[in-house]
Amino acid sequence: MPQGTLEVLLVSAKGLENSDYLCNMDPYVILTCRTQEKKSSVASGQGAEPEWNENFVFTVSEGATELNIKIMDSDSGTEDDFVGEATISLEPLFSEGSLPPTPYNVVKDQQYCGEIKIGLTFTPDPEGGCDRGYCAQEESYDGWKESSSSFS
C-alpha cells in the first residue's frame, strides 16, 4: 500500500440541491481520509454552485483507499443540513500520481444530487515511509556505508 502525501484541490460544486428554501444555502465540505478530517471554509450565500478553490493535505498511510467528501449547508441557530456526499477511490491516483480537477457525482439517499470538482495529487514517501515508528537509514562515510537505526 502506498504511503505519502495526498493533496486535494477542492474546486467547486454544481447542481446541488438547495436545502434553504428562503435564501441561498451556505455550503461547506468535510473531507475524510481514514482518520484524518479537514473542513473547508463556508461558501456563504453561494447556493447550489459554490466555489472554494482550497487545498488540503493528508498523510496517506497503510490502508487508505478512498477519500470521502461530505457537503453540508451551514445554518445559524439550527443543525447544519446534509446536502450530499461523494466517495473517491484513491487506487487510480496511486498509479497515475495526479488527477486533474474532475467532477464526481454527489449522492444523497442513493440519488444523484449534483457534482463536485476535485483535483488530486499523490506524492509517495521517498523512503517508503517508516514502518511502525522504526526507520533505518544508510549513511555514507568516504565510500564506506554504515547503517544507523532510529526509533521515532
C-alpha atoms as a PDB file:
ATOM      1  CA  MET A   1       0.000   0.000   0.000  1.00  0.00           C
ATOM      2  CA  PRO A   2       1.482   3.378  -0.937  1.00  0.00           C
ATOM      3  CA  GLN A   3       2.459   5.845   1.743  1.00  0.00           C
ATOM      4  CA  GLY A   4       2.973   9.540   1.194  1.00  0.00           C
ATOM      5  CA  THR A   5       1.154  12.832   0.882  1.00  0.00           C
ATOM      6  CA  LEU A   6      -2.271  13.362  -0.668  1.00  0.00           C
ATOM      7  CA  GLU A   7      -3.021  16.889  -1.856  1.00  0.00           C
ATOM      8  CA  VAL A   8      -6.662  17.671  -2.523  1.00  0.00           C
ATOM      9  CA  LEU A   9      -7.763  20.708  -4.526  1.00  0.00           C
ATOM     10  CA  LEU A  10     -11.399  21.406  -3.720  1.00  0.00           C
ATOM     11  CA  VAL A  11     -12.534  23.469  -6.712  1.00  0.00           C
ATOM     12  CA  SER A  12     -16.315  23.813  -6.847  1.00  0.00           C
ATOM     13  CA  ALA A  13     -19.680  22.080  -6.956  1.00  0.00           C
ATOM     14  CA  LYS A  14     -22.691  22.479  -9.197  1.00  0.00           C
ATOM     15  CA  GLY A  15     -26.248  21.270  -9.454  1.00  0.00           C
ATOM     16  CA  LEU A  16     -26.552  20.832  -5.691  1.00  0.00           C
ATOM     17  CA  GLU A  17     -29.995  20.665  -4.174  1.00  0.00           C
ATOM     18  CA  ASN A  18     -30.614  23.906  -2.287  1.00  0.00           C
ATOM     19  CA  SER A  19     -31.581  22.950   1.246  1.00  0.00           C
ATOM     20  CA  ASP A  20     -32.508  26.534   2.216  1.00  0.00           C
ATOM     21  CA  TYR A  21     -35.914  27.468   0.867  1.00  0.00           C
ATOM     22  CA  LEU A  22     -35.897  31.191   1.594  1.00  0.00           C
ATOM     23  CA  CYS A  23     -32.332  32.046   0.615  1.00  0.00           C
ATOM     24  CA  ASN A  24     -29.203  30.566  -0.914  1.00  0.00           C
ATOM     25  CA  MET A  25     -27.530  27.845   1.135  1.00  0.00           C
ATOM     26  CA  ASP A  26     -24.055  28.260   2.622  1.00  0.00           C
ATOM     27  CA  PRO A  27     -22.249  25.035   1.673  1.00  0.00           C
ATOM     28  CA  TYR A  28     -19.019  23.697   3.093  1.00  0.00           C
ATOM     29  CA  VAL A  29     -17.215  20.387   2.678  1.00  0.00           C
ATOM     30  CA  ILE A  30     -15.864  17.850   5.163  1.00  0.00           C
ATOM     31  CA  LEU A  31     -13.057  15.755   3.643  1.00  0.00           C
ATOM     32  CA  THR A  32     -12.091  12.497   5.344  1.00  0.00           C
ATOM     33  CA  CYS A  33      -9.208  10.143   4.585  1.00  0.00           C
ATOM     34  CA  ARG A  34      -9.226   7.280   7.099  1.00  0.00           C
ATOM     35  CA  THR A  35      -8.999   9.033  10.491  1.00  0.00           C
ATOM     36  CA  GLN A  36      -7.970  12.479   9.198  1.00  0.00           C
ATOM     37  CA  GLU A  37     -10.705  15.052   8.736  1.00  0.00           C
ATOM     38  CA  LYS A  38     -10.467  18.526   7.181  1.00  0.00           C
ATOM     39  CA  LYS A  39     -13.165  21.161   6.755  1.00  0.00           C
ATOM     40  CA  SER A  40     -13.415  23.771   4.010  1.00  0.00           C
ATOM     41  CA  SER A  41     -14.493  27.343   4.501  1.00  0.00           C
ATOM     42  CA  VAL A  42     -18.201  28.136   4.182  1.00  0.00           C
ATOM     43  CA  ALA A  43     -19.168  29.410   0.721  1.00  0.00           C
ATOM     44  CA  SER A  44     -21.585  31.970   2.155  1.00  0.00           C
ATOM     45  CA  GLY A  45     -24.649  32.624   0.023  1.00  0.00           C
ATOM     46  CA  GLN A  46     -23.251  30.769  -3.000  1.00  0.00           C
ATOM     47  CA  GLY A  47     -26.141  28.316  -3.072  1.00  0.00           C
ATOM     48  CA  ALA A  48     -26.103  25.335  -5.432  1.00  0.00           C
ATOM     49  CA  GLU A  49     -22.996  26.494  -7.402  1.00  0.00           C
ATOM     50  CA  PRO A  50     -20.310  27.138  -4.740  1.00  0.00           C
ATOM     51  CA  GLU A  51     -16.613  27.719  -5.440  1.00  0.00           C
ATOM     52  CA  TRP A  52     -13.880  27.143  -2.870  1.00  0.00           C
ATOM     53  CA  ASN A  53     -10.507  26.719  -4.647  1.00  0.00           C
ATOM     54  CA  GLU A  54      -8.915  25.440  -1.434  1.00  0.00           C
ATOM     55  CA  ASN A  55      -6.075  22.972  -0.896  1.00  0.00           C
ATOM     56  CA  PHE A  56      -5.937  20.276   1.767  1.00  0.00           C
ATOM     57  CA  VAL A  57      -3.078  17.916   2.629  1.00  0.00           C
ATOM     58  CA  PHE A  58      -3.464  14.429   4.084  1.00  0.00           C
ATOM     59  CA  THR A  59      -0.830  11.922   5.162  1.00  0.00           C
ATOM     60  CA  VAL A  60      -1.546   8.639   3.419  1.00  0.00           C
ATOM     61  CA  SER A  61      -0.648   5.532   5.383  1.00  0.00           C
ATOM     62  CA  GLU A  62      -1.396   1.831   5.266  1.00  0.00           C
ATOM     63  CA  GLY A  63      -4.995   1.044   4.372  1.00  0.00           C
ATOM     64  CA  ALA A  64      -6.013   4.417   2.889  1.00  0.00           C
ATOM     65  CA  THR A  65      -8.055   3.526  -0.200  1.00  0.00           C
ATOM     66  CA  GLU A  66     -10.591   6.343  -0.553  1.00  0.00           C
ATOM     67  CA  LEU A  67     -11.364   9.984   0.101  1.00  0.00           C
ATOM     68  CA  ASN A  68     -14.819  10.745   1.473  1.00  0.00           C
ATOM     69  CA  ILE A  69     -16.435  14.087   0.698  1.00  0.00           C
ATOM     70  CA  LYS A  70     -19.472  15.273   2.628  1.00  0.00           C
ATOM     71  CA  ILE A  71     -21.221  18.505   1.599  1.00  0.00           C
ATOM     72  CA  MET A  72     -23.060  20.332   4.349  1.00  0.00           C
ATOM     73  CA  ASP A  73     -25.145  23.521   4.479  1.00  0.00           C
ATOM     74  CA  SER A  74     -24.146  25.818   7.332  1.00  0.00           C
ATOM     75  CA  ASP A  75     -27.206  27.050   9.231  1.00  0.00           C
ATOM     76  CA  SER A  76     -27.013  29.501  12.091  1.00  0.00           C
ATOM     77  CA  GLY A  77     -29.268  28.652  15.008  1.00  0.00           C
ATOM     78  CA  THR A  78     -30.129  25.154  13.755  1.00  0.00           C
ATOM     79  CA  GLU A  79     -28.204  21.991  12.946  1.00  0.00           C
ATOM     80  CA  ASP A  80     -26.328  22.067   9.610  1.00  0.00           C
ATOM     81  CA  ASP A  81     -28.113  20.252   6.769  1.00  0.00           C
ATOM     82  CA  PHE A  82     -26.592  17.279   4.934  1.00  0.00           C
ATOM     83  CA  VAL A  83     -26.546  18.104   1.200  1.00  0.00           C
ATOM     84  CA  GLY A  84     -24.841  15.017  -0.262  1.00  0.00           C
ATOM     85  CA  GLU A  85     -21.624  13.019  -0.429  1.00  0.00           C
ATOM     86  CA  ALA A  86     -19.081  11.544  -2.795  1.00  0.00           C
ATOM     87  CA  THR A  87     -16.522   8.775  -2.344  1.00  0.00           C
ATOM     88  CA  ILE A  88     -13.370   8.884  -4.453  1.00  0.00           C
ATOM     89  CA  SER A  89     -11.229   5.761  -4.853  1.00  0.00           C
ATOM     90  CA  LEU A  90      -7.522   6.556  -4.450  1.00  0.00           C
ATOM     91  CA  GLU A  91      -6.316   3.467  -6.347  1.00  0.00           C
ATOM     92  CA  PRO A  92      -6.141   5.222  -9.795  1.00  0.00           C
ATOM     93  CA  LEU A  93      -4.307   8.134  -8.153  1.00  0.00           C
ATOM     94  CA  PHE A  94      -1.601   5.873  -6.702  1.00  0.00           C
ATOM     95  CA  SER A  95      -0.724   4.638 -10.195  1.00  0.00           C
ATOM     96  CA  GLU A  96      -1.154   7.979 -12.027  1.00  0.00           C
ATOM     97  CA  GLY A  97       0.412  10.329  -9.451  1.00  0.00           C
ATOM     98  CA  SER A  98      -2.057  13.124 -10.129  1.00  0.00           C
ATOM     99  CA  LEU A  99      -5.573  13.575 -11.443  1.00  0.00           C
ATOM    100  CA  PRO A 100      -6.680  16.948 -12.854  1.00  0.00           C
ATOM    101  CA  PRO A 101      -9.810  18.590 -11.394  1.00  0.00           C
ATOM    102  CA  THR A 102     -12.533  16.082 -12.211  1.00  0.00           C
ATOM    103  CA  PRO A 103     -16.284  16.159 -11.499  1.00  0.00           C
ATOM    104  CA  TYR A 104     -17.525  13.430  -9.142  1.00  0.00           C
ATOM    105  CA  ASN A 105     -21.183  12.578  -8.591  1.00  0.00           C
ATOM    106  CA  VAL A 106     -22.724  13.743  -5.333  1.00  0.00           C
ATOM    107  CA  VAL A 107     -25.399  11.433  -3.950  1.00  0.00           C
ATOM    108  CA  LYS A 108     -27.950  11.641  -1.160  1.00  0.00           C
ATOM    109  CA  ASP A 109     -30.110   8.637  -0.264  1.00  0.00           C
ATOM    110  CA  GLN A 110     -28.615   6.864  -3.328  1.00  0.00           C
ATOM    111  CA  GLN A 111     -29.945   9.610  -5.615  1.00  0.00           C
ATOM    112  CA  TYR A 112     -27.773  11.843  -7.823  1.00  0.00           C
ATOM    113  CA  CYS A 113     -27.908  15.404  -6.497  1.00  0.00           C
ATOM    114  CA  GLY A 114     -25.117  17.315  -8.252  1.00  0.00           C
ATOM    115  CA  GLU A 115     -21.387  17.098  -8.710  1.00  0.00           C
ATOM    116  CA  ILE A 116     -18.234  18.258  -7.010  1.00  0.00           C
ATOM    117  CA  LYS A 117     -14.990  19.076  -8.828  1.00  0.00           C
ATOM    118  CA  ILE A 118     -11.800  17.890  -7.153  1.00  0.00           C
ATOM    119  CA  GLY A 119      -8.154  17.630  -8.227  1.00  0.00           C
ATOM    120  CA  LEU A 120      -5.819  15.115  -6.576  1.00  0.00           C
ATOM    121  CA  THR A 121      -2.039  14.746  -6.319  1.00  0.00           C
ATOM    122  CA  PHE A 122      -0.193  11.920  -4.574  1.00  0.00           C
ATOM    123  CA  THR A 123       3.475  12.208  -3.620  1.00  0.00           C
ATOM    124  CA  PRO A 124       4.954   8.914  -2.373  1.00  0.00           C
ATOM    125  CA  ASP A 125       7.384   8.894   0.534  1.00  0.00           C
ATOM    126  CA  PRO A 126      10.892   8.571  -0.969  1.00  0.00           C
ATOM    127  CA  GLU A 127      11.875   6.029   1.692  1.00  0.00           C
ATOM    128  CA  GLY A 128       8.534   4.237   1.539  1.00  0.00           C
ATOM    129  CA  GLY A 129       7.747   5.540   4.993  1.00  0.00           C
ATOM    130  CA  CYS A 130       8.713   4.304   8.408  1.00  0.00           C
ATOM    131  CA  ASP A 131       7.214   1.027   9.489  1.00  0.00           C
ATOM    132  CA  ARG A 132       5.607   1.288  12.932  1.00  0.00           C
ATOM    133  CA  GLY A 133       7.914   4.109  14.002  1.00  0.00           C
ATOM    134  CA  TYR A 134      11.124   2.256  13.039  1.00  0.00           C
ATOM    135  CA  CYS A 135      13.288   3.912  10.391  1.00  0.00           C
ATOM    136  CA  ALA A 136      16.544   2.519   9.025  1.00  0.00           C
ATOM    137  CA  GLN A 137      18.870   4.820   7.133  1.00  0.00           C
ATOM    138  CA  GLU A 138      22.210   4.281   5.474  1.00  0.00           C
ATOM    139  CA  GLU A 139      24.904   6.890   5.890  1.00  0.00           C
ATOM    140  CA  SER A 140      27.957   7.082   3.664  1.00  0.00           C
ATOM    141  CA  TYR A 141      31.421   7.948   5.028  1.00  0.00           C
ATOM    142  CA  ASP A 142      34.050   8.351   2.268  1.00  0.00           C
ATOM    143  CA  GLY A 143      32.844   5.338   0.314  1.00  0.00           C
ATOM    144  CA  TRP A 144      32.088   3.286   3.441  1.00  0.00           C
ATOM    145  CA  LYS A 145      28.475   2.702   4.283  1.00  0.00           C
ATOM    146  CA  GLU A 146      27.224   2.463   7.812  1.00  0.00           C
ATOM    147  CA  SER A 147      23.679   1.526   8.781  1.00  0.00           C
ATOM    148  CA  SER A 148      22.053   3.520  11.514  1.00  0.00           C
ATOM    149  CA  SER A 149      18.685   2.898  13.065  1.00  0.00           C
ATOM    150  CA  SER A 150      16.461   5.288  14.917  1.00  0.00           C
ATOM    151  CA  PHE A 151      13.198   4.900  16.747  1.00  0.00           C
ATOM    152  CA  SER A 152      10.835   7.830  16.495  1.00  0.00           C
END
